[in-house]
Structure formats: structure tokens, C-alpha cells
Amino acid sequence: MKQCTHVEALPHPEPAALDETCPECLLEGTDPVQLRLCLTCGHVGCCDSSPNRHATRHHRETGHPVMRTFEPGEDWRWCFVDHVLV
């Protein structure tokens, strides 16, 4: 079974967005479907079901490897590099 090689070394950042939404969606006037939190820097971005997929875009631009769901009642993480749920 494939495992994530990044999650153990990650910090536990606070969300960078004070209003707990995707700041890029807010600026663009679009609505996020669900939110994701970057576990490297705390960037909040929308999921891949959202029109602009800002969480994935953030990973591509920064190389930050792991995000977690930022939805109430959910508790999972995704490693973009290893393509595995953590």
C-alpha cells in the first residue's frame, strides 16, 4: 500500500483566511464547493469540484504537498505528491 512520505514533517498551521472561505473565489466572485487547508502554510482554497480548483492550483504553484479538508465533520488529508489519502 502506497503511503505519504510528507505528512509527518508538516507543521499544523492556522488557516490564513480569516473569513474561512477561499480568498481567490471571493476575489473572482465565484462560489467554492468545499474548502481545503494547506498543511504547510495554512492557505485555504476551494476543492476540485469548484470552478477554479484553487487548492490544487496552490499546490502546483508552491509545491506544498499535503492539504486537509476544511469542512466541518470531515477529517482526512490528501497528498498531492504521492496521490494518496492520509
PDB file of N, CA and C in Angstrom:
ATOM      1  N   MET A   1       0.844  -1.182   0.000  1.00  0.00           N
ATOM      2  CA  MET A   1       0.000   0.000   0.000  1.00  0.00           C
ATOM      3  C   MET A   1       0.888   1.243   0.000  1.00  0.00           C
ATOM      4  N   LYS A   2       0.600   2.164  -0.890  1.00  0.00           N
ATOM      5  CA  LYS A   2       1.366   3.401  -1.003  1.00  0.00           C
ATOM      6  C   LYS A   2       1.068   4.305   0.185  1.00  0.00           C
ATOM      7  N   GLN A   3       2.105   4.953   0.706  1.00  0.00           N
ATOM      8  CA  GLN A   3       1.940   5.856   1.841  1.00  0.00           C
ATOM      9  C   GLN A   3       2.517   7.228   1.509  1.00  0.00           C
ATOM     10  N   CYS A   4       2.036   8.217   2.234  1.00  0.00           N
ATOM     11  CA  CYS A   4       2.539   9.580   2.091  1.00  0.00           C
ATOM     12  C   CYS A   4       3.867   9.697   2.819  1.00  0.00           C
ATOM     13  N   THR A   5       4.842  10.296   2.158  1.00  0.00           N
ATOM     14  CA  THR A   5       6.157  10.484   2.755  1.00  0.00           C
ATOM     15  C   THR A   5       6.332  11.893   3.320  1.00  0.00           C
ATOM     16  N   HIS A   6       5.268  12.687   3.346  1.00  0.00           N
ATOM     17  CA  HIS A   6       5.379  14.093   3.722  1.00  0.00           C
ATOM     18  C   HIS A   6       4.680  14.470   5.014  1.00  0.00           C
ATOM     19  N   VAL A   7       3.611  13.807   5.353  1.00  0.00           N
ATOM     20  CA  VAL A   7       2.711  14.274   6.400  1.00  0.00           C
ATOM     21  C   VAL A   7       3.358  14.360   7.783  1.00  0.00           C
ATOM     22  N   GLU A   8       4.270  13.499   8.097  1.00  0.00           N
ATOM     23  CA  GLU A   8       4.887  13.513   9.429  1.00  0.00           C
ATOM     24  C   GLU A   8       5.723  14.765   9.682  1.00  0.00           C
ATOM     25  N   ALA A   9       6.274  15.357   8.645  1.00  0.00           N
ATOM     26  CA  ALA A   9       7.153  16.519   8.797  1.00  0.00           C
ATOM     27  C   ALA A   9       6.422  17.852   8.692  1.00  0.00           C
ATOM     28  N   LEU A  10       5.100  17.827   8.542  1.00  0.00           N
ATOM     29  CA  LEU A  10       4.362  19.061   8.319  1.00  0.00           C
ATOM     30  C   LEU A  10       4.012  19.781   9.614  1.00  0.00           C
ATOM     31  N   PRO A  11       3.993  21.117   9.573  1.00  0.00           N
ATOM     32  CA  PRO A  11       3.508  21.887  10.725  1.00  0.00           C
ATOM     33  C   PRO A  11       1.988  21.783  10.802  1.00  0.00           C
ATOM     34  N   HIS A  12       1.395  22.420  11.762  1.00  0.00           N
ATOM     35  CA  HIS A  12      -0.058  22.467  11.909  1.00  0.00           C
ATOM     36  C   HIS A  12      -0.486  23.929  11.880  1.00  0.00           C
ATOM     37  N   PRO A  13      -0.526  24.523  10.672  1.00  0.00           N
ATOM     38  CA  PRO A  13      -0.805  25.963  10.570  1.00  0.00           C
ATOM     39  C   PRO A  13      -2.261  26.295  10.836  1.00  0.00           C
ATOM     40  N   GLU A  14      -2.462  27.508  11.251  1.00  0.00           N
ATOM     41  CA  GLU A  14      -3.807  28.054  11.359  1.00  0.00           C
ATOM     42  C   GLU A  14      -4.230  28.497   9.957  1.00  0.00           C
ATOM     43  N   PRO A  15      -5.509  28.502   9.665  1.00  0.00           N
ATOM     44  CA  PRO A  15      -5.964  28.977   8.358  1.00  0.00           C
ATOM     45  C   PRO A  15      -5.521  30.410   8.102  1.00  0.00           C
ATOM     46  N   ALA A  16      -5.059  30.670   6.898  1.00  0.00           N
ATOM     47  CA  ALA A  16      -4.627  32.017   6.539  1.00  0.00           C
ATOM     48  C   ALA A  16      -5.817  32.932   6.278  1.00  0.00           C
ATOM     49  N   ALA A  17      -6.937  32.369   5.872  1.00  0.00           N
ATOM     50  CA  ALA A  17      -8.127  33.170   5.575  1.00  0.00           C
ATOM     51  C   ALA A  17      -8.932  33.385   6.847  1.00  0.00           C
ATOM     52  N   LEU A  18      -9.119  34.641   7.205  1.00  0.00           N
ATOM     53  CA  LEU A  18      -9.835  34.956   8.435  1.00  0.00           C
ATOM     54  C   LEU A  18     -11.329  34.675   8.339  1.00  0.00           C
ATOM     55  N   ASP A  19     -11.890  34.766   7.139  1.00  0.00           N
ATOM     56  CA  ASP A  19     -13.321  34.550   6.996  1.00  0.00           C
ATOM     57  C   ASP A  19     -13.666  33.112   6.610  1.00  0.00           C
ATOM     58  N   GLU A  20     -12.685  32.242   6.601  1.00  0.00           N
ATOM     59  CA  GLU A  20     -12.866  30.814   6.349  1.00  0.00           C
ATOM     60  C   GLU A  20     -13.570  30.533   5.032  1.00  0.00           C
ATOM     61  N   THR A  21     -13.080  31.162   3.986  1.00  0.00           N
ATOM     62  CA  THR A  21     -13.527  30.857   2.632  1.00  0.00           C
ATOM     63  C   THR A  21     -12.315  30.907   1.724  1.00  0.00           C
ATOM     64  N   CYS A  22     -12.498  30.564   0.484  1.00  0.00           N
ATOM     65  CA  CYS A  22     -11.409  30.623  -0.484  1.00  0.00           C
ATOM     66  C   CYS A  22     -11.216  32.081  -0.907  1.00  0.00           C
ATOM     67  N   PRO A  23     -10.081  32.692  -0.570  1.00  0.00           N
ATOM     68  CA  PRO A  23      -9.894  34.108  -0.907  1.00  0.00           C
ATOM     69  C   PRO A  23      -9.878  34.368  -2.409  1.00  0.00           C
ATOM     70  N   GLU A  24      -9.374  33.415  -3.194  1.00  0.00           N
ATOM     71  CA  GLU A  24      -9.374  33.595  -4.647  1.00  0.00           C
ATOM     72  C   GLU A  24     -10.796  33.597  -5.198  1.00  0.00           C
ATOM     73  N   CYS A  25     -11.651  32.683  -4.697  1.00  0.00           N
ATOM     74  CA  CYS A  25     -13.057  32.672  -5.121  1.00  0.00           C
ATOM     75  C   CYS A  25     -13.735  33.981  -4.734  1.00  0.00           C
ATOM     76  N   LEU A  26     -13.432  34.459  -3.541  1.00  0.00           N
ATOM     77  CA  LEU A  26     -14.019  35.710  -3.078  1.00  0.00           C
ATOM     78  C   LEU A  26     -13.660  36.859  -4.020  1.00  0.00           C
ATOM     79  N   LEU A  27     -12.380  36.939  -4.407  1.00  0.00           N
ATOM     80  CA  LEU A  27     -11.930  37.997  -5.324  1.00  0.00           C
ATOM     81  C   LEU A  27     -12.545  37.853  -6.708  1.00  0.00           C
ATOM     82  N   GLU A  28     -12.726  36.604  -7.158  1.00  0.00           N
ATOM     83  CA  GLU A  28     -13.238  36.355  -8.504  1.00  0.00           C
ATOM     84  C   GLU A  28     -14.758  36.355  -8.578  1.00  0.00           C
ATOM     85  N   GLY A  29     -15.411  36.360  -7.426  1.00  0.00           N
ATOM     86  CA  GLY A  29     -16.859  36.346  -7.407  1.00  0.00           C
ATOM     87  C   GLY A  29     -17.468  34.987  -7.696  1.00  0.00           C
ATOM     88  N   THR A  30     -16.709  33.916  -7.447  1.00  0.00           N
ATOM     89  CA  THR A  30     -17.227  32.565  -7.632  1.00  0.00           C
ATOM     90  C   THR A  30     -17.468  31.926  -6.273  1.00  0.00           C
ATOM     91  N   ASP A  31     -18.213  30.847  -6.269  1.00  0.00           N
ATOM     92  CA  ASP A  31     -18.536  30.159  -5.025  1.00  0.00           C
ATOM     93  C   ASP A  31     -17.764  28.851  -4.910  1.00  0.00           C
ATOM     94  N   PRO A  32     -17.045  28.655  -3.798  1.00  0.00           N
ATOM     95  CA  PRO A  32     -16.364  27.373  -3.597  1.00  0.00           C
ATOM     96  C   PRO A  32     -17.374  26.285  -3.244  1.00  0.00           C
ATOM     97  N   VAL A  33     -17.106  25.062  -3.692  1.00  0.00           N
ATOM     98  CA  VAL A  33     -17.959  23.934  -3.333  1.00  0.00           C
ATOM     99  C   VAL A  33     -17.587  23.455  -1.937  1.00  0.00           C
ATOM    100  N   GLN A  34     -16.326  23.151  -1.737  1.00  0.00           N
ATOM    101  CA  GLN A  34     -15.797  22.788  -0.421  1.00  0.00           C
ATOM    102  C   GLN A  34     -14.411  23.391  -0.286  1.00  0.00           C
ATOM    103  N   LEU A  35     -13.927  23.453   0.956  1.00  0.00           N
ATOM    104  CA  LEU A  35     -12.643  24.104   1.213  1.00  0.00           C
ATOM    105  C   LEU A  35     -11.585  23.099   1.638  1.00  0.00           C
ATOM    106  N   ARG A  36     -10.341  23.439   1.324  1.00  0.00           N
ATOM    107  CA  ARG A  36      -9.178  22.636   1.691  1.00  0.00           C
ATOM    108  C   ARG A  36      -8.150  23.554   2.344  1.00  0.00           C
ATOM    109  N   LEU A  37      -7.414  23.023   3.324  1.00  0.00           N
ATOM    110  CA  LEU A  37      -6.411  23.788   4.062  1.00  0.00           C
ATOM    111  C   LEU A  37      -5.030  23.210   3.785  1.00  0.00           C
ATOM    112  N   CYS A  38      -4.116  24.038   3.295  1.00  0.00           N
ATOM    113  CA  CYS A  38      -2.733  23.614   3.059  1.00  0.00           C
ATOM    114  C   CYS A  38      -2.063  23.385   4.407  1.00  0.00           C
ATOM    115  N   LEU A  39      -1.467  22.214   4.591  1.00  0.00           N
ATOM    116  CA  LEU A  39      -0.833  21.901   5.865  1.00  0.00           C
ATOM    117  C   LEU A  39       0.590  22.429   5.963  1.00  0.00           C
ATOM    118  N   THR A  40       1.067  23.099   4.941  1.00  0.00           N
ATOM    119  CA  THR A  40       2.372  23.747   5.021  1.00  0.00           C
ATOM    120  C   THR A  40       2.238  25.198   5.476  1.00  0.00           C
ATOM    121  N   CYS A  41       1.284  25.943   4.866  1.00  0.00           N
ATOM    122  CA  CYS A  41       1.229  27.381   5.127  1.00  0.00           C
ATOM    123  C   CYS A  41      -0.123  27.890   5.618  1.00  0.00           C
ATOM    124  N   GLY A  42      -1.163  27.057   5.583  1.00  0.00           N
ATOM    125  CA  GLY A  42      -2.469  27.498   6.047  1.00  0.00           C
ATOM    126  C   GLY A  42      -3.340  28.134   4.981  1.00  0.00           C
ATOM    127  N   HIS A  43      -2.898  28.120   3.728  1.00  0.00           N
ATOM    128  CA  HIS A  43      -3.724  28.665   2.639  1.00  0.00           C
ATOM    129  C   HIS A  43      -5.038  27.888   2.567  1.00  0.00           C
ATOM    130  N   VAL A  44      -6.142  28.613   2.457  1.00  0.00           N
ATOM    131  CA  VAL A  44      -7.450  27.996   2.272  1.00  0.00           C
ATOM    132  C   VAL A  44      -7.816  28.139   0.803  1.00  0.00           C
ATOM    133  N   GLY A  45      -8.126  27.018   0.165  1.00  0.00           N
ATOM    134  CA  GLY A  45      -8.510  27.028  -1.242  1.00  0.00           C
ATOM    135  C   GLY A  45      -9.695  26.121  -1.481  1.00  0.00           C
ATOM    136  N   CYS A  46     -10.353  26.326  -2.606  1.00  0.00           N
ATOM    137  CA  CYS A  46     -11.519  25.515  -2.943  1.00  0.00           C
ATOM    138  C   CYS A  46     -11.091  24.181  -3.552  1.00  0.00           C
ATOM    139  N   CYS A  47     -11.991  23.221  -3.474  1.00  0.00           N
ATOM    140  CA  CYS A  47     -11.720  21.864  -3.936  1.00  0.00           C
ATOM    141  C   CYS A  47     -11.800  21.751  -5.457  1.00  0.00           C
ATOM    142  N   ASP A  48     -11.490  20.570  -5.966  1.00  0.00           N
ATOM    143  CA  ASP A  48     -11.506  20.349  -7.409  1.00  0.00           C
ATOM    144  C   ASP A  48     -12.913  20.283  -7.999  1.00  0.00           C
ATOM    145  N   SER A  49     -13.938  20.244  -7.165  1.00  0.00           N
ATOM    146  CA  SER A  49     -15.312  20.328  -7.672  1.00  0.00           C
ATOM    147  C   SER A  49     -15.747  21.782  -7.844  1.00  0.00           C
ATOM    148  N   SER A  50     -14.938  22.714  -7.372  1.00  0.00           N
ATOM    149  CA  SER A  50     -15.203  24.142  -7.535  1.00  0.00           C
ATOM    150  C   SER A  50     -14.718  24.583  -8.914  1.00  0.00           C
ATOM    151  N   PRO A  51     -15.261  25.684  -9.427  1.00  0.00           N
ATOM    152  CA  PRO A  51     -14.922  26.106 -10.791  1.00  0.00           C
ATOM    153  C   PRO A  51     -13.427  26.310 -11.054  1.00  0.00           C
ATOM    154  N   ASN A  52     -12.686  26.836 -10.080  1.00  0.00           N
ATOM    155  CA  ASN A  52     -11.288  27.197 -10.353  1.00  0.00           C
ATOM    156  C   ASN A  52     -10.247  26.358  -9.612  1.00  0.00           C
ATOM    157  N   ARG A  53     -10.656  25.429  -8.815  1.00  0.00           N
ATOM    158  CA  ARG A  53      -9.749  24.450  -8.175  1.00  0.00           C
ATOM    159  C   ARG A  53      -8.530  25.112  -7.531  1.00  0.00           C
ATOM    160  N   HIS A  54      -8.777  26.070  -6.651  1.00  0.00           N
ATOM    161  CA  HIS A  54      -7.692  26.867  -6.084  1.00  0.00           C
ATOM    162  C   HIS A  54      -6.763  26.078  -5.155  1.00  0.00           C
ATOM    163  N   ALA A  55      -7.242  25.051  -4.478  1.00  0.00           N
ATOM    164  CA  ALA A  55      -6.349  24.258  -3.619  1.00  0.00           C
ATOM    165  C   ALA A  55      -5.304  23.530  -4.467  1.00  0.00           C
ATOM    166  N   THR A  56      -5.740  22.927  -5.560  1.00  0.00           N
ATOM    167  CA  THR A  56      -4.804  22.248  -6.458  1.00  0.00           C
ATOM    168  C   THR A  56      -3.869  23.261  -7.125  1.00  0.00           C
ATOM    169  N   ARG A  57      -4.409  24.404  -7.508  1.00  0.00           N
ATOM    170  CA  ARG A  57      -3.566  25.450  -8.099  1.00  0.00           C
ATOM    171  C   ARG A  57      -2.488  25.887  -7.107  1.00  0.00           C
ATOM    172  N   HIS A  58      -2.872  26.033  -5.827  1.00  0.00           N
ATOM    173  CA  HIS A  58      -1.910  26.404  -4.794  1.00  0.00           C
ATOM    174  C   HIS A  58      -0.787  25.365  -4.710  1.00  0.00           C
ATOM    175  N   HIS A  59      -1.142  24.094  -4.734  1.00  0.00           N
ATOM    176  CA  HIS A  59      -0.110  23.042  -4.712  1.00  0.00           C
ATOM    177  C   HIS A  59       0.824  23.164  -5.918  1.00  0.00           C
ATOM    178  N   ARG A  60       0.263  23.348  -7.095  1.00  0.00           N
ATOM    179  CA  ARG A  60       1.086  23.438  -8.309  1.00  0.00           C
ATOM    180  C   ARG A  60       2.023  24.639  -8.280  1.00  0.00           C
ATOM    181  N   GLU A  61       1.554  25.746  -7.723  1.00  0.00           N
ATOM    182  CA  GLU A  61       2.373  26.961  -7.677  1.00  0.00           C
ATOM    183  C   GLU A  61       3.427  26.937  -6.583  1.00  0.00           C
ATOM    184  N   THR A  62       3.149  26.241  -5.475  1.00  0.00           N
ATOM    185  CA  THR A  62       4.057  26.272  -4.327  1.00  0.00           C
ATOM    186  C   THR A  62       4.821  24.968  -4.098  1.00  0.00           C
ATOM    187  N   GLY A  63       4.255  23.849  -4.554  1.00  0.00           N
ATOM    188  CA  GLY A  63       4.855  22.550  -4.263  1.00  0.00           C
ATOM    189  C   GLY A  63       4.494  22.024  -2.888  1.00  0.00           C
ATOM    190  N   HIS A  64       3.655  22.744  -2.145  1.00  0.00           N
ATOM    191  CA  HIS A  64       3.240  22.258  -0.826  1.00  0.00           C
ATOM    192  C   HIS A  64       2.493  20.938  -1.008  1.00  0.00           C
ATOM    193  N   PRO A  65       2.926  19.885  -0.319  1.00  0.00           N
ATOM    194  CA  PRO A  65       2.477  18.546  -0.674  1.00  0.00           C
ATOM    195  C   PRO A  65       1.121  18.085  -0.143  1.00  0.00           C
ATOM    196  N   VAL A  66       0.717  18.525   1.051  1.00  0.00           N
ATOM    197  CA  VAL A  66      -0.455  17.920   1.687  1.00  0.00           C
ATOM    198  C   VAL A  66      -1.472  18.982   2.094  1.00  0.00           C
ATOM    199  N   MET A  67      -2.741  18.679   1.849  1.00  0.00           N
ATOM    200  CA  MET A  67      -3.823  19.518   2.317  1.00  0.00           C
ATOM    201  C   MET A  67      -4.787  18.632   3.095  1.00  0.00           C
ATOM    202  N   ARG A  68      -5.607  19.298   3.894  1.00  0.00           N
ATOM    203  CA  ARG A  68      -6.661  18.564   4.590  1.00  0.00           C
ATOM    204  C   ARG A  68      -7.997  19.219   4.278  1.00  0.00           C
ATOM    205  N   THR A  69      -9.046  18.450   4.461  1.00  0.00           N
ATOM    206  CA  THR A  69     -10.368  19.024   4.298  1.00  0.00           C
ATOM    207  C   THR A  69     -10.551  20.122   5.338  1.00  0.00           C
ATOM    208  N   PHE A  70     -11.271  21.136   4.973  1.00  0.00           N
ATOM    209  CA  PHE A  70     -11.569  22.237   5.878  1.00  0.00           C
ATOM    210  C   PHE A  70     -13.069  22.318   6.093  1.00  0.00           C
ATOM    211  N   GLU A  71     -13.721  21.173   5.944  1.00  0.00           N
ATOM    212  CA  GLU A  71     -15.165  21.081   6.090  1.00  0.00           C
ATOM    213  C   GLU A  71     -15.517  20.536   7.475  1.00  0.00           C
ATOM    214  N   PRO A  72     -16.510  21.113   8.129  1.00  0.00           N
ATOM    215  CA  PRO A  72     -16.927  20.633   9.449  1.00  0.00           C
ATOM    216  C   PRO A  72     -17.349  19.161   9.390  1.00  0.00           C
ATOM    217  N   GLY A  73     -16.908  18.392  10.366  1.00  0.00           N
ATOM    218  CA  GLY A  73     -17.283  16.994  10.466  1.00  0.00           C
ATOM    219  C   GLY A  73     -16.452  16.054   9.609  1.00  0.00           C
ATOM    220  N   GLU A  74     -15.538  16.581   8.804  1.00  0.00           N
ATOM    221  CA  GLU A  74     -14.674  15.734   7.982  1.00  0.00           C
ATOM    222  C   GLU A  74     -13.259  15.769   8.543  1.00  0.00           C
ATOM    223  N   ASP A  75     -12.549  14.658   8.385  1.00  0.00           N
ATOM    224  CA  ASP A  75     -11.189  14.566   8.926  1.00  0.00           C
ATOM    225  C   ASP A  75     -10.342  13.672   8.022  1.00  0.00           C
ATOM    226  N   TRP A  76      -9.872  14.224   6.911  1.00  0.00           N
ATOM    227  CA  TRP A  76      -8.996  13.478   6.027  1.00  0.00           C
ATOM    228  C   TRP A  76      -8.000  14.440   5.385  1.00  0.00           C
ATOM    229  N   ARG A  77      -6.920  13.860   4.858  1.00  0.00           N
ATOM    230  CA  ARG A  77      -5.857  14.631   4.211  1.00  0.00           C
ATOM    231  C   ARG A  77      -5.541  13.992   2.868  1.00  0.00           C
ATOM    232  N   TRP A  78      -5.022  14.797   1.965  1.00  0.00           N
ATOM    233  CA  TRP A  78      -4.632  14.315   0.649  1.00  0.00           C
ATOM    234  C   TRP A  78      -3.223  14.780   0.349  1.00  0.00           C
ATOM    235  N   CYS A  79      -2.379  13.841  -0.077  1.00  0.00           N
ATOM    236  CA  CYS A  79      -1.023  14.175  -0.505  1.00  0.00           C
ATOM    237  C   CYS A  79      -1.035  14.286  -2.026  1.00  0.00           C
ATOM    238  N   PHE A  80      -0.794  15.488  -2.535  1.00  0.00           N
ATOM    239  CA  PHE A  80      -0.762  15.720  -3.984  1.00  0.00           C
ATOM    240  C   PHE A  80       0.421  15.003  -4.631  1.00  0.00           C
ATOM    241  N   VAL A  81       1.525  14.898  -3.920  1.00  0.00           N
ATOM    242  CA  VAL A  81       2.742  14.317  -4.489  1.00  0.00           C
ATOM    243  C   VAL A  81       2.625  12.798  -4.611  1.00  0.00           C
ATOM    244  N   ASP A  82       2.187  12.156  -3.526  1.00  0.00           N
ATOM    245  CA  ASP A  82       2.093  10.699  -3.514  1.00  0.00           C
ATOM    246  C   ASP A  82       0.732  10.187  -3.988  1.00  0.00           C
ATOM    247  N   HIS A  83      -0.207  11.098  -4.229  1.00  0.00           N
ATOM    248  CA  HIS A  83      -1.552  10.742  -4.710  1.00  0.00           C
ATOM    249  C   HIS A  83      -2.216   9.700  -3.799  1.00  0.00           C
ATOM    250  N   VAL A  84      -2.283  10.044  -2.522  1.00  0.00           N
ATOM    251  CA  VAL A  84      -2.836   9.105  -1.546  1.00  0.00           C
ATOM    252  C   VAL A  84      -3.556   9.858  -0.428  1.00  0.00           C
ATOM    253  N   LEU A  85      -4.654   9.265   0.048  1.00  0.00           N
ATOM    254  CA  LEU A  85      -5.321   9.780   1.251  1.00  0.00           C
ATOM    255  C   LEU A  85      -4.461   9.451   2.451  1.00  0.00           C
ATOM    256  N   VAL A  86      -4.393  10.390   3.363  1.00  0.00           N
ATOM    257  CA  VAL A  86      -3.564  10.199   4.557  1.00  0.00           C
ATOM    258  C   VAL A  86      -4.481  10.073   5.765  1.00  0.00           C
TER     259      VAL A  86
END
